[in-house]
């Protein structure tokens, strides 16, 4: 095993443990040892994002993409940082590229759906959420997001179906529970 790979594994471990400063340091060492290591840049970008350092995350994920422009996860991770900065157009562009490269990853569609939702493009958000649900039907959050999008266009029946699915998957999802009640009231089922 190459020495850089050891630091990548260490960085991934620290990321998993929530020790983001240690992850950044380990991944910086991996990059120092192997400046063409796209995974090290991407993981360091994730660590920066978890520290709310979104510009640094964008730069690192951008380096990962520059090294390997077929790295779908790096586009998704950079898209998330754009999203967190309310740069929804750039986020959607990155999610589009991630989907082009890996069309069977539910997270890419769900994240793009969130960006569309925040641009009030509810039909596009619903399309993306439904595709994400098709690929991963047990993701309670995506069901909840889909319910919120349906409620936003006044389709409370479909909103309730999605909130019910979210609650079936995760009965402790208090947001889905509250949204379910809200959809009942707005849909005229509760007086």
Protein backbone atom coordinates (compact mmCIF):
# COMPACT_ATOMS: atom_id res chain seq x y z
CA UNK A 1 0.00 0.00 0.00
CA UNK A 2 1.28 3.44 -0.92
CA UNK A 3 1.94 5.87 1.90
CA UNK A 4 -0.59 8.39 0.50
CA UNK A 5 -3.29 5.71 0.62
CA UNK A 6 -2.68 5.23 4.34
CA UNK A 7 -3.34 8.94 4.92
CA UNK A 8 -6.48 8.76 2.74
CA UNK A 9 -7.77 5.89 4.89
CA UNK A 10 -6.88 7.82 8.04
CA UNK A 11 -8.66 10.91 6.69
CA UNK A 12 -11.74 8.85 5.87
CA UNK A 13 -11.69 7.41 9.41
CA UNK A 14 -11.49 10.89 10.96
CA UNK A 15 -14.33 12.07 8.71
CA UNK A 16 -16.47 9.18 9.91
CA UNK A 17 -15.62 10.00 13.52
CA UNK A 18 -16.46 13.70 13.08
CA UNK A 19 -12.88 14.82 13.69
CA UNK A 20 -12.78 17.20 10.76
CA UNK A 21 -9.57 19.06 11.61
CA UNK A 22 -7.73 15.75 11.87
CA UNK A 23 -9.31 14.61 8.60
CA UNK A 24 -8.16 17.79 6.84
CA UNK A 25 -4.62 17.31 8.18
CA UNK A 26 -4.41 13.64 7.18
CA UNK A 27 -5.78 14.36 3.72
CA UNK A 28 -3.40 17.30 3.27
CA UNK A 29 -0.54 14.87 3.95
CA UNK A 30 -2.00 12.44 1.39
CA UNK A 31 -2.13 15.27 -1.16
CA UNK A 32 1.43 16.30 -0.33
CA UNK A 33 2.56 12.71 -1.00
CA UNK A 34 0.37 12.28 -4.09
CA UNK A 35 -0.79 15.59 -5.63
CA UNK A 36 -2.84 13.70 -8.25
CA UNK A 37 -4.99 11.88 -5.67
CA UNK A 38 -8.53 12.94 -6.59
CA UNK A 39 -10.08 11.02 -3.70
CA UNK A 40 -7.92 12.85 -1.16
CA UNK A 41 -9.05 16.22 -2.53
CA UNK A 42 -12.70 15.13 -2.55
CA UNK A 43 -12.60 13.82 1.01
CA UNK A 44 -10.84 16.97 2.21
CA UNK A 45 -13.58 18.94 0.45
CA UNK A 46 -16.17 16.97 2.41
CA UNK A 47 -14.31 17.71 5.66
CA UNK A 48 -14.21 21.42 4.83
CA UNK A 49 -17.94 21.33 4.06
CA UNK A 50 -18.67 19.74 7.42
CA UNK A 51 -16.78 22.65 8.98
CA UNK A 52 -18.97 25.09 7.02
CA UNK A 53 -15.96 26.15 4.94
CA UNK A 54 -17.85 25.85 1.68
CA UNK A 55 -15.47 27.84 -0.52
CA UNK A 56 -12.61 25.57 0.53
CA UNK A 57 -14.84 22.56 -0.12
CA UNK A 58 -15.66 23.86 -3.59
CA UNK A 59 -11.96 24.39 -4.33
CA UNK A 60 -10.97 20.91 -3.17
CA UNK A 61 -13.79 19.14 -4.99
CA UNK A 62 -12.89 21.23 -8.04
CA UNK A 63 -9.32 19.92 -7.82
CA UNK A 64 -10.65 16.36 -7.60
CA UNK A 65 -12.69 17.01 -10.76
CA UNK A 66 -9.70 18.59 -12.50
CA UNK A 67 -7.68 15.44 -11.76
CA UNK A 68 -10.53 13.05 -12.67
CA UNK A 69 -13.44 14.60 -14.56
CA UNK A 70 -15.35 11.30 -14.36
CA UNK A 71 -15.51 11.38 -10.53
CA UNK A 72 -19.29 11.68 -10.05
CA UNK A 73 -19.06 11.91 -6.27
CA UNK A 74 -16.83 14.98 -6.47
CA UNK A 75 -19.46 16.75 -8.59
CA UNK A 76 -22.11 15.84 -6.02
CA UNK A 77 -19.98 17.02 -3.11
CA UNK A 78 -19.14 20.30 -4.82
CA UNK A 79 -22.82 20.69 -5.70
CA UNK A 80 -23.71 20.34 -2.03
CA UNK A 81 -21.35 23.19 -1.12
CA UNK A 82 -22.84 25.37 -3.87
CA UNK A 83 -26.28 24.50 -2.48
CA UNK A 84 -25.25 25.46 1.06
CA UNK A 85 -24.14 28.85 -0.33
CA UNK A 86 -27.54 29.28 -2.08
CA UNK A 87 -25.81 29.02 -5.46
CA UNK A 88 -28.54 26.76 -6.78
CA UNK A 89 -27.73 27.11 -10.50
CA UNK A 90 -24.17 25.92 -9.94
CA UNK A 91 -25.40 23.14 -7.66
CA UNK A 92 -27.83 21.95 -10.35
CA UNK A 93 -25.06 22.03 -12.96
CA UNK A 94 -22.88 19.80 -10.78
CA UNK A 95 -25.74 17.42 -9.97
CA UNK A 96 -26.53 17.21 -13.70
CA UNK A 97 -22.96 16.14 -14.36
CA UNK A 98 -22.99 13.65 -11.48
CA UNK A 99 -26.19 12.14 -12.86
CA UNK A 100 -24.75 11.98 -16.37
CA UNK A 101 -21.76 10.07 -15.02
CA UNK A 102 -23.68 7.83 -12.58
CA UNK A 103 -27.40 7.80 -13.40
CA UNK A 104 -28.27 5.12 -10.84
CA UNK A 105 -27.34 7.05 -7.68
CA UNK A 106 -30.47 8.18 -5.82
CA UNK A 107 -28.65 10.84 -3.77
CA UNK A 108 -27.75 12.81 -6.90
CA UNK A 109 -31.42 13.12 -7.89
CA UNK A 110 -32.56 13.92 -4.34
CA UNK A 111 -29.95 16.67 -4.00
CA UNK A 112 -30.83 18.14 -7.39
CA UNK A 113 -34.47 18.03 -6.32
CA UNK A 114 -33.63 20.13 -3.26
CA UNK A 115 -31.95 22.73 -5.44
CA UNK A 116 -34.94 22.83 -7.79
CA UNK A 117 -37.29 23.08 -4.81
CA UNK A 118 -35.38 26.08 -3.47
CA UNK A 119 -35.74 27.74 -6.87
CA UNK A 120 -39.53 27.14 -6.67
CA UNK A 121 -39.26 24.65 -9.55
CA UNK A 122 -41.58 22.21 -7.86
CA UNK A 123 -42.37 20.03 -10.89
CA UNK A 124 -38.66 19.48 -11.52
CA UNK A 125 -38.15 18.76 -7.82
CA UNK A 126 -40.98 16.21 -7.85
CA UNK A 127 -39.49 14.53 -10.93
CA UNK A 128 -36.09 14.24 -9.22
CA UNK A 129 -37.53 13.03 -5.91
CA UNK A 130 -39.60 10.38 -7.68
CA UNK A 131 -36.50 9.17 -9.55
CA UNK A 132 -34.56 9.06 -6.28
CA UNK A 133 -37.40 7.09 -4.66
CA UNK A 134 -37.44 4.68 -7.61
CA UNK A 135 -33.72 4.06 -7.07
CA UNK A 136 -33.91 3.97 -3.25
CA UNK A 137 -37.48 3.46 -2.01
CA UNK A 138 -36.48 3.30 1.68
CA UNK A 139 -35.08 6.83 1.97
CA UNK A 140 -37.54 8.50 4.32
CA UNK A 141 -36.12 11.99 3.80
CA UNK A 142 -36.68 11.88 0.05
CA UNK A 143 -40.30 10.80 0.61
CA UNK A 144 -40.69 13.77 2.97
CA UNK A 145 -39.10 16.15 0.47
CA UNK A 146 -41.38 14.82 -2.26
CA UNK A 147 -44.39 15.36 0.00
CA UNK A 148 -43.30 18.95 0.62
CA UNK A 149 -43.01 19.56 -3.13
CA UNK A 150 -46.46 18.09 -3.80
CA UNK A 151 -47.90 20.26 -1.00
CA UNK A 152 -46.25 23.29 -2.58
CA UNK A 153 -48.22 22.72 -5.80
CA UNK A 154 -51.44 22.03 -3.88
CA UNK A 155 -51.56 18.25 -4.45
CA UNK A 156 -52.21 17.36 -0.82
CA UNK A 157 -53.30 13.80 -1.59
CA UNK A 158 -49.89 12.94 -3.07
CA UNK A 159 -48.20 14.94 -0.33
CA UNK A 160 -49.96 12.82 2.31
CA UNK A 161 -48.99 9.59 0.55
CA UNK A 162 -45.32 10.65 0.64
CA UNK A 163 -45.48 11.81 4.26
CA UNK A 164 -47.10 8.48 5.19
CA UNK A 165 -44.30 6.60 3.40
CA UNK A 166 -41.69 8.67 5.22
CA UNK A 167 -43.36 7.82 8.53
CA UNK A 168 -43.68 4.15 7.63
CA UNK A 169 -39.91 4.04 6.98
CA UNK A 170 -39.00 6.26 9.92
CA UNK A 171 -41.78 6.60 12.52
CA UNK A 172 -39.63 9.07 14.49
CA UNK A 173 -39.54 11.66 11.69
CA UNK A 174 -41.34 14.46 13.51
CA UNK A 175 -41.02 16.78 10.52
CA UNK A 176 -42.92 14.31 8.32
CA UNK A 177 -45.51 13.92 11.07
CA UNK A 178 -46.02 17.68 11.33
CA UNK A 179 -46.13 18.02 7.55
CA UNK A 180 -48.71 15.22 7.40
CA UNK A 181 -51.00 17.12 9.76
CA UNK A 182 -50.40 20.35 7.83
CA UNK A 183 -51.28 18.63 4.53
CA UNK A 184 -54.49 17.24 6.09
CA UNK A 185 -55.52 20.73 7.21
CA UNK A 186 -54.67 22.43 3.91
CA UNK A 187 -56.27 19.60 1.96
CA UNK A 188 -59.52 20.07 3.87
CA UNK A 189 -59.45 16.73 5.70
CA UNK A 190 -59.34 18.36 9.13
CA UNK A 191 -61.76 21.08 10.08
